[in-house]
Amino acid sequence: MVRESGGIYQSLFFECFFVKRFWSCIFCWWGLRWKEVANFEEFFSLCWGVSLSGIQKSLWFLAVSAACWSGWISRNEKVFEGKTTTLDSLIYQTKLRSFVWARVVHEECIFTASDW
């Protein structure tokens, strides 16, 4: 059941209303504006083109990676275990995961969970 050019994954990441809302919240968390995208190329272009630089941009990419991973885990739990998740829960999991990753990758930065 694989569609051309990663279509099944594009549907999962960009066409579902729940996921569109999720990405909107992730962008809002960073003070950025979400723009609907049709495919991975547009998504990566949007993420790369944000008005952040230096350590902030590095942390932004880390947060986007954590959001993708959290979404994928949630999707697998739904498909293989019948579990569902709320938008609030998925956002919380993404923030927590990205916070932990950021503390590992950027040991020189001093921030707490409340900063995140």
N, C-alpha and C. Protein backbone atom coordinates (compact mmCIF):
# COMPACT_ATOMS: atom_id res chain seq x y z
N MET A 1 0.82 -1.18 0.00
CA MET A 1 0.00 0.00 0.00
C MET A 1 0.87 1.26 0.00
N VAL A 2 1.85 1.31 -0.85
CA VAL A 2 2.72 2.48 -0.94
C VAL A 2 2.30 3.30 -2.15
N ARG A 3 2.05 4.57 -1.92
CA ARG A 3 1.70 5.46 -3.01
C ARG A 3 2.97 6.10 -3.56
N GLU A 4 2.84 6.68 -4.74
CA GLU A 4 3.98 7.35 -5.36
C GLU A 4 4.51 8.48 -4.50
N SER A 5 5.80 8.70 -4.56
CA SER A 5 6.49 9.82 -3.90
C SER A 5 6.15 9.95 -2.42
N GLY A 6 6.03 8.82 -1.75
CA GLY A 6 5.78 8.88 -0.31
C GLY A 6 4.39 9.35 0.05
N GLY A 7 3.42 9.18 -0.83
CA GLY A 7 2.07 9.68 -0.62
C GLY A 7 1.42 9.25 0.67
N ILE A 8 1.63 8.00 1.06
CA ILE A 8 1.01 7.53 2.30
C ILE A 8 1.57 8.29 3.50
N TYR A 9 2.83 8.63 3.47
CA TYR A 9 3.44 9.38 4.56
C TYR A 9 3.05 10.85 4.50
N GLN A 10 2.93 11.38 3.31
CA GLN A 10 2.46 12.76 3.15
C GLN A 10 1.07 12.90 3.75
N SER A 11 0.23 11.91 3.50
CA SER A 11 -1.12 11.93 4.06
C SER A 11 -1.06 11.95 5.58
N LEU A 12 -0.21 11.09 6.14
CA LEU A 12 -0.07 11.00 7.59
C LEU A 12 0.44 12.31 8.18
N PHE A 13 1.41 12.94 7.52
CA PHE A 13 2.05 14.12 8.09
C PHE A 13 1.38 15.44 7.74
N PHE A 14 0.60 15.51 6.67
CA PHE A 14 0.13 16.82 6.23
C PHE A 14 -1.35 16.93 5.89
N GLU A 15 -2.07 15.85 5.69
CA GLU A 15 -3.45 15.95 5.23
C GLU A 15 -4.49 15.77 6.33
N CYS A 16 -4.15 15.08 7.36
CA CYS A 16 -5.06 14.80 8.47
C CYS A 16 -5.32 16.08 9.27
N PHE A 17 -6.58 16.37 9.60
CA PHE A 17 -6.92 17.58 10.35
C PHE A 17 -6.19 17.62 11.70
N PHE A 18 -6.16 16.48 12.40
CA PHE A 18 -5.49 16.40 13.70
C PHE A 18 -4.02 16.79 13.56
N VAL A 19 -3.36 16.28 12.55
CA VAL A 19 -1.94 16.56 12.35
C VAL A 19 -1.71 18.01 11.92
N LYS A 20 -2.60 18.54 11.11
CA LYS A 20 -2.48 19.96 10.74
C LYS A 20 -2.57 20.84 11.99
N ARG A 21 -3.49 20.51 12.87
CA ARG A 21 -3.64 21.27 14.12
C ARG A 21 -2.39 21.11 14.99
N PHE A 22 -1.87 19.89 15.03
CA PHE A 22 -0.65 19.61 15.79
C PHE A 22 0.50 20.48 15.29
N TRP A 23 0.74 20.52 13.98
CA TRP A 23 1.83 21.33 13.44
C TRP A 23 1.59 22.81 13.71
N SER A 24 0.37 23.24 13.63
CA SER A 24 0.05 24.63 13.94
C SER A 24 0.44 24.96 15.38
N CYS A 25 0.15 24.06 16.30
CA CYS A 25 0.50 24.27 17.71
C CYS A 25 2.01 24.26 17.93
N ILE A 26 2.72 23.38 17.24
CA ILE A 26 4.18 23.32 17.38
C ILE A 26 4.80 24.63 16.89
N PHE A 27 4.34 25.11 15.75
CA PHE A 27 4.86 26.38 15.23
C PHE A 27 4.52 27.53 16.18
N CYS A 28 3.30 27.54 16.70
CA CYS A 28 2.86 28.59 17.62
C CYS A 28 3.72 28.58 18.89
N TRP A 29 4.05 27.40 19.40
CA TRP A 29 4.90 27.25 20.58
C TRP A 29 6.20 28.01 20.39
N TRP A 30 6.72 28.04 19.16
CA TRP A 30 7.97 28.73 18.86
C TRP A 30 7.75 30.16 18.39
N GLY A 31 6.51 30.62 18.44
CA GLY A 31 6.20 31.98 18.01
C GLY A 31 6.24 32.13 16.50
N LEU A 32 6.01 31.02 15.80
CA LEU A 32 6.06 31.00 14.34
C LEU A 32 4.68 30.72 13.79
N ARG A 33 4.50 31.04 12.54
CA ARG A 33 3.20 30.84 11.89
C ARG A 33 3.26 29.61 10.98
N TRP A 34 2.32 28.70 11.19
CA TRP A 34 2.20 27.49 10.37
C TRP A 34 1.55 27.83 9.05
N LYS A 35 2.05 27.27 7.99
CA LYS A 35 1.46 27.39 6.67
C LYS A 35 1.25 25.98 6.16
N GLU A 36 0.04 25.66 5.74
CA GLU A 36 -0.22 24.31 5.27
C GLU A 36 0.69 23.98 4.10
N VAL A 37 1.18 22.74 4.11
CA VAL A 37 2.08 22.27 3.07
C VAL A 37 1.50 21.01 2.45
N ALA A 38 1.95 20.69 1.24
CA ALA A 38 1.41 19.54 0.53
C ALA A 38 2.34 18.33 0.56
N ASN A 39 3.62 18.55 0.86
CA ASN A 39 4.56 17.43 0.79
C ASN A 39 5.78 17.72 1.66
N PHE A 40 6.67 16.75 1.73
CA PHE A 40 7.86 16.88 2.57
C PHE A 40 8.77 18.00 2.11
N GLU A 41 8.89 18.18 0.82
CA GLU A 41 9.76 19.26 0.31
C GLU A 41 9.28 20.62 0.82
N GLU A 42 7.98 20.87 0.73
CA GLU A 42 7.43 22.13 1.22
C GLU A 42 7.58 22.24 2.74
N PHE A 43 7.40 21.13 3.43
CA PHE A 43 7.54 21.12 4.89
C PHE A 43 8.96 21.48 5.31
N PHE A 44 9.94 20.82 4.70
CA PHE A 44 11.33 21.10 5.05
C PHE A 44 11.72 22.52 4.68
N SER A 45 11.20 23.00 3.58
CA SER A 45 11.47 24.38 3.17
C SER A 45 10.88 25.35 4.20
N LEU A 46 9.67 25.09 4.65
CA LEU A 46 9.02 25.93 5.66
C LEU A 46 9.82 25.92 6.96
N CYS A 47 10.23 24.73 7.40
CA CYS A 47 10.99 24.62 8.65
C CYS A 47 12.34 25.31 8.53
N TRP A 48 13.00 25.17 7.40
CA TRP A 48 14.32 25.78 7.21
C TRP A 48 14.21 27.30 7.11
N GLY A 49 13.13 27.80 6.55
CA GLY A 49 12.99 29.22 6.28
C GLY A 49 12.52 30.07 7.45
N VAL A 50 12.37 29.48 8.63
CA VAL A 50 11.91 30.27 9.78
C VAL A 50 12.94 31.32 10.16
N SER A 51 12.47 32.36 10.81
CA SER A 51 13.34 33.49 11.15
C SER A 51 14.05 33.28 12.49
N LEU A 52 14.75 32.18 12.61
CA LEU A 52 15.56 31.88 13.78
C LEU A 52 17.00 31.67 13.31
N SER A 53 17.95 31.86 14.22
CA SER A 53 19.33 31.62 13.84
C SER A 53 20.11 31.08 15.04
N GLY A 54 21.31 30.61 14.78
CA GLY A 54 22.19 30.12 15.82
C GLY A 54 21.60 28.99 16.63
N ILE A 55 21.78 29.06 17.94
CA ILE A 55 21.31 28.01 18.84
C ILE A 55 19.80 27.86 18.79
N GLN A 56 19.09 28.96 18.59
CA GLN A 56 17.62 28.87 18.49
C GLN A 56 17.19 28.02 17.31
N LYS A 57 17.87 28.19 16.17
CA LYS A 57 17.51 27.40 15.00
C LYS A 57 17.84 25.93 15.23
N SER A 58 18.96 25.67 15.89
CA SER A 58 19.33 24.30 16.22
C SER A 58 18.27 23.67 17.12
N LEU A 59 17.83 24.40 18.13
CA LEU A 59 16.79 23.89 19.02
C LEU A 59 15.46 23.72 18.29
N TRP A 60 15.18 24.61 17.35
CA TRP A 60 13.97 24.51 16.52
C TRP A 60 13.98 23.19 15.74
N PHE A 61 15.10 22.90 15.08
CA PHE A 61 15.18 21.65 14.31
C PHE A 61 15.05 20.43 15.22
N LEU A 62 15.60 20.53 16.40
CA LEU A 62 15.47 19.46 17.36
C LEU A 62 14.00 19.26 17.75
N ALA A 63 13.29 20.37 17.97
CA ALA A 63 11.86 20.30 18.32
C ALA A 63 11.04 19.72 17.17
N VAL A 64 11.37 20.08 15.94
CA VAL A 64 10.66 19.53 14.78
C VAL A 64 10.91 18.02 14.69
N SER A 65 12.14 17.62 14.92
CA SER A 65 12.47 16.18 14.90
C SER A 65 11.70 15.44 16.00
N ALA A 66 11.64 16.03 17.18
CA ALA A 66 10.89 15.41 18.28
C ALA A 66 9.40 15.34 17.95
N ALA A 67 8.89 16.35 17.27
CA ALA A 67 7.47 16.35 16.87
C ALA A 67 7.20 15.23 15.86
N CYS A 68 8.09 15.08 14.90
CA CYS A 68 7.93 13.99 13.91
C CYS A 68 7.97 12.64 14.61
N TRP A 69 8.93 12.46 15.50
CA TRP A 69 9.08 11.19 16.20
C TRP A 69 7.87 10.92 17.10
N SER A 70 7.41 11.92 17.81
CA SER A 70 6.24 11.76 18.68
C SER A 70 5.01 11.40 17.87
N GLY A 71 4.84 12.07 16.73
CA GLY A 71 3.71 11.75 15.85
C GLY A 71 3.77 10.34 15.32
N TRP A 72 4.97 9.90 14.98
CA TRP A 72 5.15 8.54 14.45
C TRP A 72 4.85 7.50 15.53
N ILE A 73 5.33 7.73 16.73
CA ILE A 73 5.05 6.81 17.84
C ILE A 73 3.55 6.75 18.10
N SER A 74 2.89 7.90 18.11
CA SER A 74 1.45 7.95 18.33
C SER A 74 0.70 7.18 17.24
N ARG A 75 1.14 7.37 16.02
CA ARG A 75 0.53 6.66 14.89
C ARG A 75 0.67 5.14 15.06
N ASN A 76 1.87 4.69 15.44
CA ASN A 76 2.10 3.25 15.61
C ASN A 76 1.26 2.70 16.77
N GLU A 77 1.13 3.45 17.84
CA GLU A 77 0.30 3.00 18.96
C GLU A 77 -1.16 2.86 18.54
N LYS A 78 -1.61 3.76 17.70
CA LYS A 78 -3.00 3.69 17.20
C LYS A 78 -3.19 2.48 16.29
N VAL A 79 -2.27 2.31 15.35
CA VAL A 79 -2.39 1.22 14.37
C VAL A 79 -2.21 -0.15 15.01
N PHE A 80 -1.18 -0.30 15.83
CA PHE A 80 -0.83 -1.63 16.32
C PHE A 80 -1.40 -1.98 17.69
N GLU A 81 -1.79 -0.97 18.47
CA GLU A 81 -2.29 -1.24 19.81
C GLU A 81 -3.69 -0.69 20.06
N GLY A 82 -4.23 0.03 19.08
CA GLY A 82 -5.57 0.59 19.22
C GLY A 82 -5.65 1.77 20.18
N LYS A 83 -4.50 2.33 20.57
CA LYS A 83 -4.49 3.46 21.50
C LYS A 83 -4.78 4.75 20.74
N THR A 84 -5.38 5.68 21.44
CA THR A 84 -5.59 7.00 20.88
C THR A 84 -4.91 8.02 21.78
N THR A 85 -4.64 9.17 21.24
CA THR A 85 -4.02 10.23 22.02
C THR A 85 -4.74 11.54 21.74
N THR A 86 -4.66 12.43 22.67
CA THR A 86 -5.25 13.76 22.48
C THR A 86 -4.18 14.69 21.93
N LEU A 87 -4.62 15.79 21.39
CA LEU A 87 -3.68 16.79 20.89
C LEU A 87 -2.81 17.32 22.03
N ASP A 88 -3.42 17.59 23.17
CA ASP A 88 -2.66 18.09 24.32
C ASP A 88 -1.58 17.09 24.75
N SER A 89 -1.93 15.83 24.75
CA SER A 89 -0.97 14.80 25.14
C SER A 89 0.18 14.71 24.14
N LEU A 90 -0.13 14.78 22.87
CA LEU A 90 0.91 14.70 21.84
C LEU A 90 1.84 15.91 21.91
N ILE A 91 1.29 17.07 22.17
CA ILE A 91 2.12 18.27 22.31
C ILE A 91 3.00 18.15 23.55
N TYR A 92 2.43 17.69 24.65
CA TYR A 92 3.21 17.50 25.87
C TYR A 92 4.36 16.52 25.63
N GLN A 93 4.07 15.39 25.00
CA GLN A 93 5.10 14.39 24.71
C GLN A 93 6.20 14.99 23.83
N THR A 94 5.81 15.79 22.86
CA THR A 94 6.78 16.43 21.97
C THR A 94 7.66 17.40 22.74
N LYS A 95 7.06 18.22 23.57
CA LYS A 95 7.84 19.19 24.35
C LYS A 95 8.79 18.50 25.32
N LEU A 96 8.30 17.48 25.98
CA LEU A 96 9.15 16.75 26.92
C LEU A 96 10.30 16.06 26.20
N ARG A 97 10.00 15.40 25.12
CA ARG A 97 11.03 14.70 24.34
C ARG A 97 12.06 15.70 23.82
N SER A 98 11.62 16.81 23.28
CA SER A 98 12.56 17.79 22.73
C SER A 98 13.39 18.42 23.84
N PHE A 99 12.81 18.63 25.01
CA PHE A 99 13.55 19.17 26.15
C PHE A 99 14.68 18.22 26.54
N VAL A 100 14.36 16.94 26.66
CA VAL A 100 15.38 15.95 27.03
C VAL A 100 16.47 15.89 25.97
N TRP A 101 16.09 15.87 24.70
CA TRP A 101 17.08 15.83 23.63
C TRP A 101 17.94 17.09 23.65
N ALA A 102 17.32 18.24 23.88
CA ALA A 102 18.07 19.51 23.89
C ALA A 102 19.10 19.52 25.01
N ARG A 103 18.75 19.00 26.15
CA ARG A 103 19.70 18.96 27.27
C ARG A 103 20.88 18.06 26.97
N VAL A 104 20.68 17.03 26.18
CA VAL A 104 21.77 16.13 25.81
C VAL A 104 22.65 16.77 24.73
N VAL A 105 22.02 17.35 23.73
CA VAL A 105 22.76 17.90 22.59
C VAL A 105 23.46 19.21 22.95
N HIS A 106 22.83 20.02 23.75
CA HIS A 106 23.37 21.34 24.09
C HIS A 106 23.65 21.42 25.58
N GLU A 107 24.63 20.65 26.02
CA GLU A 107 24.97 20.61 27.44
C GLU A 107 25.39 21.98 27.97
N GLU A 108 25.92 22.82 27.09
CA GLU A 108 26.38 24.15 27.51
C GLU A 108 25.23 25.09 27.84
N CYS A 109 24.04 24.77 27.39
CA CYS A 109 22.87 25.61 27.66
C CYS A 109 22.28 25.23 29.01
N ILE A 110 21.92 26.24 29.75
CA ILE A 110 21.30 26.00 31.05
C ILE A 110 19.84 26.44 30.95
N PHE A 111 18.95 25.47 30.93
CA PHE A 111 17.53 25.76 30.96
C PHE A 111 16.82 24.63 31.65
N THR A 112 15.64 24.94 32.17
CA THR A 112 14.84 23.97 32.89
C THR A 112 13.58 23.67 32.10
N ALA A 113 12.85 22.70 32.55
CA ALA A 113 11.60 22.32 31.88
C ALA A 113 10.64 23.50 31.82
N SER A 114 10.63 24.34 32.85
CA SER A 114 9.72 25.49 32.84
C SER A 114 10.15 26.52 31.78
N ASP A 115 11.45 26.60 31.48
CA ASP A 115 11.92 27.48 30.40
C ASP A 115 11.44 26.98 29.04
N TRP A 116 11.36 25.69 28.93
CA TRP A 116 11.04 25.05 27.67
C TRP A 116 9.57 25.22 27.38
